[in-house]
Amino acid sequence: MKTQIATEKAPGAIGPYSQAIDCGPFVYASGQIPLNPVTGEIPEGIQAQTRQSLANVKAIMEAAGLSMKNIVKTTVFLADMA
């Protein structure tokens, strides 16, 4: 059985997908952008954007009853590695 995971502490899904799906022994989270869910703004700089993206992931994991320690795999997409 699949259960949709959603929280207002992370940006809502923009397209036809969920923030995360609980599929029994696994939770699959969608990619997170560095959008602050309260202000709707993206912070300046890679460090602040990374912190915000991870805060969004943390909020989704907590909504699923998990923590960052439960994450076993991540994929990072960078627009510019310079």
N, C-alpha and C. Protein backbone atom coordinates (compact mmCIF):
# COMPACT_ATOMS: atom_id res chain seq x y z
N MET A 1 0.83 -1.18 0.00
CA MET A 1 0.00 0.00 0.00
C MET A 1 0.88 1.25 0.00
N LYS A 2 0.51 2.23 -0.79
CA LYS A 2 1.26 3.48 -0.89
C LYS A 2 0.52 4.58 -0.13
N THR A 3 1.29 5.40 0.58
CA THR A 3 0.73 6.52 1.31
C THR A 3 1.47 7.79 0.93
N GLN A 4 0.73 8.81 0.57
CA GLN A 4 1.34 10.10 0.23
C GLN A 4 1.80 10.80 1.50
N ILE A 5 3.01 11.37 1.46
CA ILE A 5 3.56 12.15 2.56
C ILE A 5 3.55 13.61 2.12
N ALA A 6 3.01 14.49 2.97
CA ALA A 6 2.98 15.91 2.64
C ALA A 6 3.14 16.73 3.92
N THR A 7 3.84 17.84 3.80
CA THR A 7 4.02 18.77 4.91
C THR A 7 4.07 20.19 4.38
N GLU A 8 3.56 21.12 5.17
CA GLU A 8 3.64 22.53 4.81
C GLU A 8 4.99 23.12 5.19
N LYS A 9 5.84 22.32 5.84
CA LYS A 9 7.17 22.77 6.25
C LYS A 9 8.20 22.63 5.13
N ALA A 10 7.75 22.18 3.97
CA ALA A 10 8.59 22.08 2.77
C ALA A 10 7.74 22.58 1.60
N PRO A 11 8.37 23.04 0.52
CA PRO A 11 7.60 23.52 -0.62
C PRO A 11 6.67 22.44 -1.16
N GLY A 12 5.48 22.84 -1.54
CA GLY A 12 4.54 21.90 -2.13
C GLY A 12 5.01 21.45 -3.50
N ALA A 13 4.53 20.31 -3.91
CA ALA A 13 4.88 19.79 -5.23
C ALA A 13 4.30 20.72 -6.30
N ILE A 14 5.11 21.06 -7.28
CA ILE A 14 4.68 21.97 -8.35
C ILE A 14 3.95 21.20 -9.44
N GLY A 15 4.40 20.00 -9.72
CA GLY A 15 3.81 19.18 -10.77
C GLY A 15 2.93 18.09 -10.21
N PRO A 16 2.62 17.10 -11.04
CA PRO A 16 1.74 16.00 -10.62
C PRO A 16 2.50 14.91 -9.86
N TYR A 17 3.11 15.28 -8.76
CA TYR A 17 3.85 14.32 -7.94
C TYR A 17 3.70 14.71 -6.48
N SER A 18 4.19 13.88 -5.60
CA SER A 18 4.09 14.11 -4.15
C SER A 18 5.45 14.49 -3.60
N GLN A 19 5.45 15.10 -2.41
CA GLN A 19 6.72 15.38 -1.74
C GLN A 19 7.42 14.06 -1.42
N ALA A 20 6.65 13.07 -1.03
CA ALA A 20 7.20 11.74 -0.77
C ALA A 20 6.07 10.71 -0.79
N ILE A 21 6.46 9.47 -0.98
CA ILE A 21 5.52 8.34 -0.96
C ILE A 21 6.08 7.28 -0.03
N ASP A 22 5.26 6.81 0.89
CA ASP A 22 5.61 5.71 1.78
C ASP A 22 5.14 4.42 1.11
N CYS A 23 6.08 3.55 0.79
CA CYS A 23 5.78 2.28 0.11
C CYS A 23 6.12 1.10 1.01
N GLY A 24 5.70 1.14 2.25
CA GLY A 24 6.00 0.04 3.17
C GLY A 24 7.35 0.21 3.81
N PRO A 25 8.33 -0.61 3.42
CA PRO A 25 9.63 -0.50 4.08
C PRO A 25 10.47 0.68 3.58
N PHE A 26 10.01 1.36 2.54
CA PHE A 26 10.79 2.47 1.97
C PHE A 26 9.93 3.72 1.82
N VAL A 27 10.57 4.88 1.94
CA VAL A 27 9.94 6.16 1.63
C VAL A 27 10.76 6.79 0.51
N TYR A 28 10.09 7.15 -0.57
CA TYR A 28 10.75 7.78 -1.71
C TYR A 28 10.37 9.26 -1.72
N ALA A 29 11.37 10.13 -1.60
CA ALA A 29 11.13 11.57 -1.58
C ALA A 29 11.45 12.17 -2.95
N SER A 30 10.67 13.16 -3.33
CA SER A 30 10.93 13.89 -4.57
C SER A 30 12.08 14.86 -4.37
N GLY A 31 12.66 15.30 -5.45
CA GLY A 31 13.75 16.27 -5.38
C GLY A 31 13.28 17.56 -4.73
N GLN A 32 14.19 18.22 -4.04
CA GLN A 32 13.86 19.45 -3.34
C GLN A 32 14.70 20.61 -3.84
N ILE A 33 14.03 21.70 -4.11
CA ILE A 33 14.72 22.93 -4.50
C ILE A 33 14.91 23.78 -3.24
N PRO A 34 15.76 24.78 -3.30
CA PRO A 34 16.04 25.58 -2.10
C PRO A 34 15.01 26.67 -1.83
N LEU A 35 13.75 26.37 -2.04
CA LEU A 35 12.68 27.34 -1.83
C LEU A 35 12.25 27.33 -0.37
N ASN A 36 12.25 28.50 0.27
CA ASN A 36 11.78 28.61 1.64
C ASN A 36 10.25 28.51 1.61
N PRO A 37 9.65 27.53 2.31
CA PRO A 37 8.21 27.35 2.23
C PRO A 37 7.41 28.47 2.90
N VAL A 38 8.02 29.25 3.76
CA VAL A 38 7.33 30.34 4.45
C VAL A 38 7.34 31.61 3.61
N THR A 39 8.52 31.96 3.10
CA THR A 39 8.65 33.22 2.35
C THR A 39 8.47 33.06 0.85
N GLY A 40 8.64 31.83 0.34
CA GLY A 40 8.57 31.60 -1.09
C GLY A 40 9.80 32.07 -1.84
N GLU A 41 10.85 32.39 -1.10
CA GLU A 41 12.07 32.90 -1.71
C GLU A 41 13.17 31.84 -1.75
N ILE A 42 14.09 32.01 -2.70
CA ILE A 42 15.28 31.17 -2.80
C ILE A 42 16.44 32.00 -2.27
N PRO A 43 17.17 31.50 -1.27
CA PRO A 43 18.27 32.28 -0.71
C PRO A 43 19.42 32.43 -1.70
N GLU A 44 20.24 33.44 -1.48
CA GLU A 44 21.41 33.70 -2.33
C GLU A 44 22.57 32.80 -1.90
N GLY A 45 23.31 32.30 -2.87
CA GLY A 45 24.54 31.54 -2.60
C GLY A 45 24.31 30.05 -2.43
N ILE A 46 25.32 29.30 -2.84
CA ILE A 46 25.22 27.84 -2.81
C ILE A 46 25.10 27.29 -1.39
N GLN A 47 25.78 27.89 -0.43
CA GLN A 47 25.71 27.38 0.95
C GLN A 47 24.30 27.53 1.52
N ALA A 48 23.71 28.70 1.36
CA ALA A 48 22.36 28.94 1.87
C ALA A 48 21.34 28.08 1.12
N GLN A 49 21.54 27.91 -0.18
CA GLN A 49 20.63 27.09 -0.97
C GLN A 49 20.73 25.62 -0.57
N THR A 50 21.94 25.17 -0.28
CA THR A 50 22.13 23.79 0.17
C THR A 50 21.45 23.58 1.51
N ARG A 51 21.64 24.51 2.44
CA ARG A 51 21.00 24.41 3.76
C ARG A 51 19.48 24.35 3.62
N GLN A 52 18.92 25.20 2.76
CA GLN A 52 17.47 25.22 2.59
C GLN A 52 16.96 23.93 1.96
N SER A 53 17.66 23.43 0.95
CA SER A 53 17.25 22.17 0.33
C SER A 53 17.25 21.04 1.35
N LEU A 54 18.30 20.98 2.18
CA LEU A 54 18.38 19.93 3.20
C LEU A 54 17.33 20.13 4.29
N ALA A 55 17.00 21.37 4.62
CA ALA A 55 15.93 21.62 5.59
C ALA A 55 14.59 21.12 5.04
N ASN A 56 14.38 21.29 3.74
CA ASN A 56 13.16 20.79 3.11
C ASN A 56 13.11 19.26 3.15
N VAL A 57 14.23 18.62 2.86
CA VAL A 57 14.30 17.15 2.93
C VAL A 57 14.02 16.70 4.36
N LYS A 58 14.63 17.36 5.33
CA LYS A 58 14.43 17.00 6.74
C LYS A 58 12.96 17.11 7.13
N ALA A 59 12.29 18.17 6.71
CA ALA A 59 10.87 18.35 7.03
C ALA A 59 10.02 17.23 6.45
N ILE A 60 10.35 16.80 5.24
CA ILE A 60 9.60 15.71 4.61
C ILE A 60 9.87 14.40 5.33
N MET A 61 11.11 14.14 5.67
CA MET A 61 11.44 12.92 6.41
C MET A 61 10.71 12.89 7.76
N GLU A 62 10.68 14.03 8.45
CA GLU A 62 9.99 14.10 9.74
C GLU A 62 8.49 13.89 9.57
N ALA A 63 7.92 14.39 8.48
CA ALA A 63 6.49 14.16 8.21
C ALA A 63 6.19 12.68 8.00
N ALA A 64 7.21 11.94 7.54
CA ALA A 64 7.07 10.49 7.34
C ALA A 64 7.41 9.72 8.62
N GLY A 65 7.76 10.44 9.70
CA GLY A 65 8.14 9.77 10.94
C GLY A 65 9.56 9.27 10.94
N LEU A 66 10.39 9.85 10.09
CA LEU A 66 11.78 9.43 9.95
C LEU A 66 12.71 10.60 10.27
N SER A 67 14.01 10.36 10.14
CA SER A 67 15.00 11.42 10.33
C SER A 67 16.01 11.34 9.18
N MET A 68 16.92 12.28 9.17
CA MET A 68 17.97 12.29 8.15
C MET A 68 18.84 11.04 8.24
N LYS A 69 18.91 10.43 9.41
CA LYS A 69 19.71 9.21 9.58
C LYS A 69 19.13 8.02 8.83
N ASN A 70 17.86 8.11 8.42
CA ASN A 70 17.22 7.02 7.69
C ASN A 70 17.48 7.07 6.19
N ILE A 71 18.10 8.14 5.71
CA ILE A 71 18.36 8.28 4.27
C ILE A 71 19.51 7.36 3.88
N VAL A 72 19.28 6.55 2.84
CA VAL A 72 20.32 5.62 2.39
C VAL A 72 20.91 6.01 1.04
N LYS A 73 20.25 6.89 0.29
CA LYS A 73 20.78 7.29 -1.02
C LYS A 73 20.26 8.68 -1.36
N THR A 74 21.15 9.49 -1.93
CA THR A 74 20.75 10.80 -2.43
C THR A 74 21.38 11.03 -3.80
N THR A 75 20.76 11.89 -4.57
CA THR A 75 21.31 12.32 -5.85
C THR A 75 21.28 13.84 -5.86
N VAL A 76 22.37 14.46 -6.24
CA VAL A 76 22.46 15.92 -6.26
C VAL A 76 22.61 16.38 -7.71
N PHE A 77 21.79 17.35 -8.10
CA PHE A 77 21.88 17.95 -9.42
C PHE A 77 22.36 19.38 -9.26
N LEU A 78 23.45 19.73 -9.93
CA LEU A 78 24.00 21.08 -9.90
C LEU A 78 23.92 21.69 -11.29
N ALA A 79 23.48 22.94 -11.35
CA ALA A 79 23.43 23.63 -12.64
C ALA A 79 24.81 24.14 -13.05
N ASP A 80 25.65 24.45 -12.06
CA ASP A 80 26.98 25.00 -12.34
C ASP A 80 27.93 24.54 -11.25
N MET A 81 28.94 23.75 -11.59
CA MET A 81 29.88 23.24 -10.60
C MET A 81 31.04 24.19 -10.35
N ALA A 82 31.05 25.34 -11.02
CA ALA A 82 32.15 26.31 -10.86
C ALA A 82 32.12 26.98 -9.51
